[in-house]
């Protein structure tokens, strides 16, 4: 069993992406491992496609695209429901 919650933020560096990164960093807990992924890199774009990401910013928590990112942008309540900020 993992001792950390892996949070991947797919970003293109836009203002909305930066706001999402700030939000994730605000709500992340000590057991959250946050990784910011640059969509300008081909390998990151491929990874995003594997997750089914259709728009950015997008947040993946423990290998699963957060519900808040499936149809619209990230929302703090939905990120918390996905486990962001909750110790393991």
PDB file of N, CA and C in Angstrom:
ATOM      1  N   UNK A   1       0.850  -1.189   0.000  1.00  0.00           N
ATOM      2  CA  UNK A   1       0.000   0.000   0.000  1.00  0.00           C
ATOM      3  C   UNK A   1       0.887   1.241   0.000  1.00  0.00           C
ATOM      4  N   UNK A   2       0.557   2.188  -0.828  1.00  0.00           N
ATOM      5  CA  UNK A   2       1.340   3.411  -0.972  1.00  0.00           C
ATOM      6  C   UNK A   2       1.138   4.320   0.231  1.00  0.00           C
ATOM      7  N   UNK A   3       2.194   5.009   0.599  1.00  0.00           N
ATOM      8  CA  UNK A   3       2.124   5.947   1.716  1.00  0.00           C
ATOM      9  C   UNK A   3       1.869   7.374   1.238  1.00  0.00           C
ATOM     10  N   UNK A   4       1.771   7.569  -0.083  1.00  0.00           N
ATOM     11  CA  UNK A   4       1.492   8.893  -0.621  1.00  0.00           C
ATOM     12  C   UNK A   4       0.340   8.818  -1.619  1.00  0.00           C
ATOM     13  N   UNK A   5      -0.314   9.951  -1.781  1.00  0.00           N
ATOM     14  CA  UNK A   5      -1.355  10.085  -2.804  1.00  0.00           C
ATOM     15  C   UNK A   5      -0.701  10.840  -3.942  1.00  0.00           C
ATOM     16  N   UNK A   6      -0.660  10.246  -5.124  1.00  0.00           N
ATOM     17  CA  UNK A   6      -0.015  10.873  -6.274  1.00  0.00           C
ATOM     18  C   UNK A   6      -1.015  11.765  -6.999  1.00  0.00           C
ATOM     19  N   UNK A   7      -0.652  13.035  -7.127  1.00  0.00           N
ATOM     20  CA  UNK A   7      -1.492  14.013  -7.811  1.00  0.00           C
ATOM     21  C   UNK A   7      -0.709  14.557  -8.990  1.00  0.00           C
ATOM     22  N   UNK A   8      -1.253  14.359 -10.189  1.00  0.00           N
ATOM     23  CA  UNK A   8      -0.625  14.851 -11.409  1.00  0.00           C
ATOM     24  C   UNK A   8      -1.478  15.985 -11.960  1.00  0.00           C
ATOM     25  N   UNK A   9      -0.853  17.129 -12.195  1.00  0.00           N
ATOM     26  CA  UNK A   9      -1.549  18.281 -12.749  1.00  0.00           C
ATOM     27  C   UNK A   9      -1.026  18.493 -14.165  1.00  0.00           C
ATOM     28  N   UNK A  10      -1.912  18.368 -15.138  1.00  0.00           N
ATOM     29  CA  UNK A  10      -1.557  18.574 -16.535  1.00  0.00           C
ATOM     30  C   UNK A  10      -1.818  20.040 -16.867  1.00  0.00           C
ATOM     31  N   UNK A  11      -0.762  20.734 -17.280  1.00  0.00           N
ATOM     32  CA  UNK A  11      -0.810  22.184 -17.454  1.00  0.00           C
ATOM     33  C   UNK A  11      -0.116  22.598 -18.742  1.00  0.00           C
ATOM     34  N   UNK A  12      -0.584  23.711 -19.305  1.00  0.00           N
ATOM     35  CA  UNK A  12       0.083  24.315 -20.457  1.00  0.00           C
ATOM     36  C   UNK A  12       0.670  25.668 -20.086  1.00  0.00           C
ATOM     37  N   UNK A  13       0.650  25.988 -18.787  1.00  0.00           N
ATOM     38  CA  UNK A  13       1.227  27.245 -18.337  1.00  0.00           C
ATOM     39  C   UNK A  13       0.299  28.436 -18.445  1.00  0.00           C
ATOM     40  N   UNK A  14      -0.949  28.226 -18.779  1.00  0.00           N
ATOM     41  CA  UNK A  14      -1.903  29.333 -18.907  1.00  0.00           C
ATOM     42  C   UNK A  14      -2.326  29.825 -17.521  1.00  0.00           C
ATOM     43  N   UNK A  15      -3.013  30.936 -17.482  1.00  0.00           N
ATOM     44  CA  UNK A  15      -3.443  31.515 -16.204  1.00  0.00           C
ATOM     45  C   UNK A  15      -4.363  30.567 -15.440  1.00  0.00           C
ATOM     46  N   UNK A  16      -5.282  29.907 -16.129  1.00  0.00           N
ATOM     47  CA  UNK A  16      -6.194  28.966 -15.474  1.00  0.00           C
ATOM     48  C   UNK A  16      -5.404  27.775 -14.937  1.00  0.00           C
ATOM     49  N   UNK A  17      -4.417  27.320 -15.692  1.00  0.00           N
ATOM     50  CA  UNK A  17      -3.567  26.224 -15.225  1.00  0.00           C
ATOM     51  C   UNK A  17      -2.813  26.639 -13.972  1.00  0.00           C
ATOM     52  N   UNK A  18      -2.279  27.844 -13.966  1.00  0.00           N
ATOM     53  CA  UNK A  18      -1.540  28.338 -12.796  1.00  0.00           C
ATOM     54  C   UNK A  18      -2.460  28.441 -11.586  1.00  0.00           C
ATOM     55  N   UNK A  19      -3.706  28.862 -11.796  1.00  0.00           N
ATOM     56  CA  UNK A  19      -4.679  28.924 -10.699  1.00  0.00           C
ATOM     57  C   UNK A  19      -4.934  27.523 -10.134  1.00  0.00           C
ATOM     58  N   UNK A  20      -5.010  26.542 -11.011  1.00  0.00           N
ATOM     59  CA  UNK A  20      -5.236  25.164 -10.578  1.00  0.00           C
ATOM     60  C   UNK A  20      -4.043  24.647  -9.775  1.00  0.00           C
ATOM     61  N   UNK A  21      -2.842  24.950 -10.234  1.00  0.00           N
ATOM     62  CA  UNK A  21      -1.640  24.533  -9.509  1.00  0.00           C
ATOM     63  C   UNK A  21      -1.627  25.160  -8.120  1.00  0.00           C
ATOM     64  N   UNK A  22      -1.979  26.429  -8.030  1.00  0.00           N
ATOM     65  CA  UNK A  22      -2.046  27.113  -6.742  1.00  0.00           C
ATOM     66  C   UNK A  22      -3.076  26.446  -5.838  1.00  0.00           C
ATOM     67  N   UNK A  23      -4.238  26.114  -6.380  1.00  0.00           N
ATOM     68  CA  UNK A  23      -5.294  25.454  -5.612  1.00  0.00           C
ATOM     69  C   UNK A  23      -4.822  24.088  -5.111  1.00  0.00           C
ATOM     70  N   UNK A  24      -4.214  23.306  -5.981  1.00  0.00           N
ATOM     71  CA  UNK A  24      -3.730  21.978  -5.588  1.00  0.00           C
ATOM     72  C   UNK A  24      -2.704  22.111  -4.474  1.00  0.00           C
ATOM     73  N   UNK A  25      -1.768  23.032  -4.624  1.00  0.00           N
ATOM     74  CA  UNK A  25      -0.747  23.217  -3.593  1.00  0.00           C
ATOM     75  C   UNK A  25      -1.363  23.681  -2.274  1.00  0.00           C
ATOM     76  N   UNK A  26      -2.459  24.426  -2.350  1.00  0.00           N
ATOM     77  CA  UNK A  26      -3.146  24.914  -1.146  1.00  0.00           C
ATOM     78  C   UNK A  26      -3.821  23.766  -0.393  1.00  0.00           C
ATOM     79  N   UNK A  27      -4.458  22.860  -1.118  1.00  0.00           N
ATOM     80  CA  UNK A  27      -5.240  21.814  -0.450  1.00  0.00           C
ATOM     81  C   UNK A  27      -4.472  20.510  -0.251  1.00  0.00           C
ATOM     82  N   UNK A  28      -3.313  20.381  -0.866  1.00  0.00           N
ATOM     83  CA  UNK A  28      -2.533  19.146  -0.728  1.00  0.00           C
ATOM     84  C   UNK A  28      -2.073  18.965   0.717  1.00  0.00           C
ATOM     85  N   UNK A  29      -2.018  17.714   1.134  1.00  0.00           N
ATOM     86  CA  UNK A  29      -1.588  17.387   2.489  1.00  0.00           C
ATOM     87  C   UNK A  29      -0.164  16.836   2.450  1.00  0.00           C
ATOM     88  N   UNK A  30       0.440  16.619   3.614  1.00  0.00           N
ATOM     89  CA  UNK A  30       1.809  16.103   3.635  1.00  0.00           C
ATOM     90  C   UNK A  30       1.984  14.749   2.925  1.00  0.00           C
ATOM     91  N   UNK A  31       0.923  13.950   2.838  1.00  0.00           N
ATOM     92  CA  UNK A  31       1.059  12.667   2.150  1.00  0.00           C
ATOM     93  C   UNK A  31       0.701  12.756   0.669  1.00  0.00           C
ATOM     94  N   UNK A  32       0.511  13.981   0.156  1.00  0.00           N
ATOM     95  CA  UNK A  32       0.245  14.192  -1.270  1.00  0.00           C
ATOM     96  C   UNK A  32       1.563  14.468  -1.999  1.00  0.00           C
ATOM     97  N   UNK A  33       1.787  13.734  -3.058  1.00  0.00           N
ATOM     98  CA  UNK A  33       2.948  13.952  -3.927  1.00  0.00           C
ATOM     99  C   UNK A  33       2.425  14.637  -5.188  1.00  0.00           C
ATOM    100  N   UNK A  34       2.723  15.922  -5.344  1.00  0.00           N
ATOM    101  CA  UNK A  34       2.200  16.714  -6.460  1.00  0.00           C
ATOM    102  C   UNK A  34       3.248  16.791  -7.564  1.00  0.00           C
ATOM    103  N   UNK A  35       2.816  16.465  -8.783  1.00  0.00           N
ATOM    104  CA  UNK A  35       3.688  16.565  -9.950  1.00  0.00           C
ATOM    105  C   UNK A  35       2.994  17.423 -11.000  1.00  0.00           C
ATOM    106  N   UNK A  36       3.695  18.444 -11.482  1.00  0.00           N
ATOM    107  CA  UNK A  36       3.169  19.318 -12.526  1.00  0.00           C
ATOM    108  C   UNK A  36       3.731  18.829 -13.860  1.00  0.00           C
ATOM    109  N   UNK A  37       2.851  18.557 -14.810  1.00  0.00           N
ATOM    110  CA  UNK A  37       3.251  18.011 -16.107  1.00  0.00           C
ATOM    111  C   UNK A  37       2.974  19.029 -17.206  1.00  0.00           C
ATOM    112  N   UNK A  38       3.984  19.293 -18.009  1.00  0.00           N
ATOM    113  CA  UNK A  38       3.924  20.293 -19.074  1.00  0.00           C
ATOM    114  C   UNK A  38       3.384  19.669 -20.359  1.00  0.00           C
ATOM    115  N   UNK A  39       2.200  20.105 -20.753  1.00  0.00           N
ATOM    116  CA  UNK A  39       1.543  19.559 -21.944  1.00  0.00           C
ATOM    117  C   UNK A  39       2.286  19.900 -23.236  1.00  0.00           C
ATOM    118  N   UNK A  40       3.266  20.784 -23.191  1.00  0.00           N
ATOM    119  CA  UNK A  40       4.045  21.090 -24.381  1.00  0.00           C
ATOM    120  C   UNK A  40       5.030  19.974 -24.710  1.00  0.00           C
ATOM    121  N   UNK A  41       5.238  19.065 -23.787  1.00  0.00           N
ATOM    122  CA  UNK A  41       6.160  17.945 -24.004  1.00  0.00           C
ATOM    123  C   UNK A  41       5.386  16.775 -24.613  1.00  0.00           C
ATOM    124  N   UNK A  42       5.885  16.202 -25.709  1.00  0.00           N
ATOM    125  CA  UNK A  42       5.165  15.119 -26.386  1.00  0.00           C
ATOM    126  C   UNK A  42       4.846  13.929 -25.478  1.00  0.00           C
ATOM    127  N   UNK A  43       5.761  13.558 -24.583  1.00  0.00           N
ATOM    128  CA  UNK A  43       5.504  12.405 -23.720  1.00  0.00           C
ATOM    129  C   UNK A  43       4.388  12.693 -22.715  1.00  0.00           C
ATOM    130  N   UNK A  44       4.238  13.952 -22.323  1.00  0.00           N
ATOM    131  CA  UNK A  44       3.157  14.329 -21.412  1.00  0.00           C
ATOM    132  C   UNK A  44       1.824  14.311 -22.161  1.00  0.00           C
ATOM    133  N   UNK A  45       1.825  14.781 -23.393  1.00  0.00           N
ATOM    134  CA  UNK A  45       0.604  14.742 -24.210  1.00  0.00           C
ATOM    135  C   UNK A  45       0.122  13.308 -24.407  1.00  0.00           C
ATOM    136  N   UNK A  46       1.055  12.410 -24.646  1.00  0.00           N
ATOM    137  CA  UNK A  46       0.692  10.988 -24.804  1.00  0.00           C
ATOM    138  C   UNK A  46       0.093  10.437 -23.521  1.00  0.00           C
ATOM    139  N   UNK A  47       0.695  10.782 -22.393  1.00  0.00           N
ATOM    140  CA  UNK A  47       0.184  10.329 -21.097  1.00  0.00           C
ATOM    141  C   UNK A  47      -1.220  10.880 -20.868  1.00  0.00           C
ATOM    142  N   UNK A  48      -1.444  12.143 -21.222  1.00  0.00           N
ATOM    143  CA  UNK A  48      -2.761  12.765 -21.070  1.00  0.00           C
ATOM    144  C   UNK A  48      -3.809  12.022 -21.895  1.00  0.00           C
ATOM    145  N   UNK A  49      -3.450  11.641 -23.100  1.00  0.00           N
ATOM    146  CA  UNK A  49      -4.388  10.879 -23.948  1.00  0.00           C
ATOM    147  C   UNK A  49      -4.734   9.543 -23.301  1.00  0.00           C
ATOM    148  N   UNK A  50      -3.753   8.892 -22.698  1.00  0.00           N
ATOM    149  CA  UNK A  50      -4.018   7.598 -22.038  1.00  0.00           C
ATOM    150  C   UNK A  50      -5.014   7.760 -20.888  1.00  0.00           C
ATOM    151  N   UNK A  51      -4.963   8.892 -20.217  1.00  0.00           N
ATOM    152  CA  UNK A  51      -5.912   9.154 -19.133  1.00  0.00           C
ATOM    153  C   UNK A  51      -7.272   9.623 -19.647  1.00  0.00           C
ATOM    154  N   UNK A  52      -7.363   9.955 -20.927  1.00  0.00           N
ATOM    155  CA  UNK A  52      -8.616  10.444 -21.489  1.00  0.00           C
ATOM    156  C   UNK A  52      -8.821  11.935 -21.279  1.00  0.00           C
ATOM    157  N   UNK A  53      -7.747  12.653 -21.041  1.00  0.00           N
ATOM    158  CA  UNK A  53      -7.840  14.099 -20.828  1.00  0.00           C
ATOM    159  C   UNK A  53      -8.158  14.785 -22.152  1.00  0.00           C
ATOM    160  N   UNK A  54      -9.200  15.616 -22.126  1.00  0.00           N
ATOM    161  CA  UNK A  54      -9.644  16.318 -23.324  1.00  0.00           C
ATOM    162  C   UNK A  54      -9.431  17.821 -23.234  1.00  0.00           C
ATOM    163  N   UNK A  55      -9.229  18.327 -22.010  1.00  0.00           N
ATOM    164  CA  UNK A  55      -8.988  19.758 -21.829  1.00  0.00           C
ATOM    165  C   UNK A  55      -8.087  19.948 -20.611  1.00  0.00           C
ATOM    166  N   UNK A  56      -7.441  21.096 -20.583  1.00  0.00           N
ATOM    167  CA  UNK A  56      -6.564  21.383 -19.465  1.00  0.00           C
ATOM    168  C   UNK A  56      -6.956  22.719 -18.853  1.00  0.00           C
ATOM    169  N   UNK A  57      -6.662  22.907 -17.591  1.00  0.00           N
ATOM    170  CA  UNK A  57      -5.904  22.022 -16.737  1.00  0.00           C
ATOM    171  C   UNK A  57      -6.706  20.774 -16.377  1.00  0.00           C
ATOM    172  N   UNK A  58      -5.983  19.724 -16.061  1.00  0.00           N
ATOM    173  CA  UNK A  58      -6.611  18.479 -15.638  1.00  0.00           C
ATOM    174  C   UNK A  58      -5.807  17.915 -14.474  1.00  0.00           C
ATOM    175  N   UNK A  59      -6.511  17.245 -13.572  1.00  0.00           N
ATOM    176  CA  UNK A  59      -5.884  16.684 -12.389  1.00  0.00           C
ATOM    177  C   UNK A  59      -6.177  15.186 -12.335  1.00  0.00           C
ATOM    178  N   UNK A  60      -5.124  14.413 -12.138  1.00  0.00           N
ATOM    179  CA  UNK A  60      -5.238  12.967 -11.994  1.00  0.00           C
ATOM    180  C   UNK A  60      -4.800  12.632 -10.573  1.00  0.00           C
ATOM    181  N   UNK A  61      -5.643  11.895  -9.849  1.00  0.00           N
ATOM    182  CA  UNK A  61      -5.347  11.507  -8.476  1.00  0.00           C
ATOM    183  C   UNK A  61      -5.220   9.991  -8.433  1.00  0.00           C
ATOM    184  N   UNK A  62      -4.031   9.530  -8.054  1.00  0.00           N
ATOM    185  CA  UNK A  62      -3.755   8.095  -7.965  1.00  0.00           C
ATOM    186  C   UNK A  62      -4.143   7.350  -9.246  1.00  0.00           C
ATOM    187  N   UNK A  63      -3.790   7.941 -10.390  1.00  0.00           N
ATOM    188  CA  UNK A  63      -4.009   7.279 -11.670  1.00  0.00           C
ATOM    189  C   UNK A  63      -5.410   7.402 -12.242  1.00  0.00           C
ATOM    190  N   UNK A  64      -6.270   8.195 -11.609  1.00  0.00           N
ATOM    191  CA  UNK A  64      -7.652   8.341 -12.081  1.00  0.00           C
ATOM    192  C   UNK A  64      -7.951   9.820 -12.302  1.00  0.00           C
ATOM    193  N   UNK A  65      -8.455  10.153 -13.487  1.00  0.00           N
ATOM    194  CA  UNK A  65      -8.836  11.528 -13.795  1.00  0.00           C
ATOM    195  C   UNK A  65      -9.923  11.959 -12.822  1.00  0.00           C
ATOM    196  N   UNK A  66      -9.669  13.052 -12.092  1.00  0.00           N
ATOM    197  CA  UNK A  66     -10.629  13.543 -11.108  1.00  0.00           C
ATOM    198  C   UNK A  66     -11.934  13.920 -11.798  1.00  0.00           C
ATOM    199  N   UNK A  67     -13.056  13.603 -11.141  1.00  0.00           N
ATOM    200  CA  UNK A  67     -14.378  13.877 -11.707  1.00  0.00           C
ATOM    201  C   UNK A  67     -14.537  15.330 -12.111  1.00  0.00           C
ATOM    202  N   UNK A  68     -13.890  16.229 -11.372  1.00  0.00           N
ATOM    203  CA  UNK A  68     -14.018  17.654 -11.681  1.00  0.00           C
ATOM    204  C   UNK A  68     -13.415  17.998 -13.035  1.00  0.00           C
ATOM    205  N   UNK A  69     -12.564  17.138 -13.540  1.00  0.00           N
ATOM    206  CA  UNK A  69     -11.847  17.445 -14.785  1.00  0.00           C
ATOM    207  C   UNK A  69     -12.413  16.711 -15.993  1.00  0.00           C
ATOM    208  N   UNK A  70     -13.436  15.915 -15.785  1.00  0.00           N
ATOM    209  CA  UNK A  70     -14.004  15.159 -16.895  1.00  0.00           C
ATOM    210  C   UNK A  70     -14.805  16.067 -17.809  1.00  0.00           C
ATOM    211  N   UNK A  71     -15.668  16.915 -17.259  1.00  0.00           N
ATOM    212  CA  UNK A  71     -16.504  17.750 -18.095  1.00  0.00           C
ATOM    213  C   UNK A  71     -16.236  19.235 -17.992  1.00  0.00           C
ATOM    214  N   UNK A  72     -15.543  19.639 -16.914  1.00  0.00           N
ATOM    215  CA  UNK A  72     -15.278  21.067 -16.721  1.00  0.00           C
ATOM    216  C   UNK A  72     -14.014  21.224 -15.899  1.00  0.00           C
ATOM    217  N   UNK A  73     -13.667  22.439 -15.561  1.00  0.00           N
ATOM    218  CA  UNK A  73     -12.435  22.710 -14.833  1.00  0.00           C
ATOM    219  C   UNK A  73     -12.460  22.252 -13.391  1.00  0.00           C
ATOM    220  N   UNK A  74     -11.290  22.219 -12.762  1.00  0.00           N
ATOM    221  CA  UNK A  74     -11.171  21.777 -11.377  1.00  0.00           C
ATOM    222  C   UNK A  74     -11.957  22.640 -10.405  1.00  0.00           C
ATOM    223  N   UNK A  75     -12.460  22.000  -9.375  1.00  0.00           N
ATOM    224  CA  UNK A  75     -13.242  22.639  -8.333  1.00  0.00           C
ATOM    225  C   UNK A  75     -12.744  22.078  -7.000  1.00  0.00           C
ATOM    226  N   UNK A  76     -12.543  22.940  -6.005  1.00  0.00           N
ATOM    227  CA  UNK A  76     -11.948  22.496  -4.747  1.00  0.00           C
ATOM    228  C   UNK A  76     -12.747  21.372  -4.089  1.00  0.00           C
ATOM    229  N   UNK A  77     -14.060  21.477  -4.034  1.00  0.00           N
ATOM    230  CA  UNK A  77     -14.874  20.446  -3.382  1.00  0.00           C
ATOM    231  C   UNK A  77     -14.711  19.100  -4.081  1.00  0.00           C
ATOM    232  N   UNK A  78     -14.697  19.101  -5.394  1.00  0.00           N
ATOM    233  CA  UNK A  78     -14.537  17.841  -6.129  1.00  0.00           C
ATOM    234  C   UNK A  78     -13.115  17.295  -5.974  1.00  0.00           C
ATOM    235  N   UNK A  79     -12.117  18.173  -5.911  1.00  0.00           N
ATOM    236  CA  UNK A  79     -10.748  17.704  -5.694  1.00  0.00           C
ATOM    237  C   UNK A  79     -10.629  17.060  -4.314  1.00  0.00           C
ATOM    238  N   UNK A  80     -11.231  17.679  -3.323  1.00  0.00           N
ATOM    239  CA  UNK A  80     -11.200  17.098  -1.980  1.00  0.00           C
ATOM    240  C   UNK A  80     -11.933  15.759  -1.968  1.00  0.00           C
ATOM    241  N   UNK A  81     -13.058  15.656  -2.688  1.00  0.00           N
ATOM    242  CA  UNK A  81     -13.789  14.397  -2.768  1.00  0.00           C
ATOM    243  C   UNK A  81     -12.957  13.315  -3.439  1.00  0.00           C
ATOM    244  N   UNK A  82     -12.036  13.712  -4.321  1.00  0.00           N
ATOM    245  CA  UNK A  82     -11.165  12.757  -4.992  1.00  0.00           C
ATOM    246  C   UNK A  82      -9.996  12.336  -4.102  1.00  0.00           C
ATOM    247  N   UNK A  83      -9.862  13.019  -2.954  1.00  0.00           N
ATOM    248  CA  UNK A  83      -8.820  12.629  -2.009  1.00  0.00           C
ATOM    249  C   UNK A  83      -7.708  13.623  -1.825  1.00  0.00           C
ATOM    250  N   UNK A  84      -7.693  14.717  -2.591  1.00  0.00           N
ATOM    251  CA  UNK A  84      -6.634  15.703  -2.446  1.00  0.00           C
ATOM    252  C   UNK A  84      -6.769  16.361  -1.069  1.00  0.00           C
ATOM    253  N   UNK A  85      -5.672  16.422  -0.344  1.00  0.00           N
ATOM    254  CA  UNK A  85      -5.666  17.046   0.967  1.00  0.00           C
ATOM    255  C   UNK A  85      -6.056  16.136   2.108  1.00  0.00           C
ATOM    256  N   UNK A  86      -6.333  14.870   1.809  1.00  0.00           N
ATOM    257  CA  UNK A  86      -6.718  13.916   2.848  1.00  0.00           C
ATOM    258  C   UNK A  86      -5.560  12.963   3.111  1.00  0.00           C
ATOM    259  N   UNK A  87      -5.051  12.959   4.331  1.00  0.00           N
ATOM    260  CA  UNK A  87      -3.960  12.041   4.656  1.00  0.00           C
ATOM    261  C   UNK A  87      -4.381  10.596   4.413  1.00  0.00           C
ATOM    262  N   UNK A  88      -3.392   9.803   4.073  1.00  0.00           N
ATOM    263  CA  UNK A  88      -3.660   8.373   3.861  1.00  0.00           C
ATOM    264  C   UNK A  88      -3.674   7.632   5.176  1.00  0.00           C
TER     265      UNK A  88
END
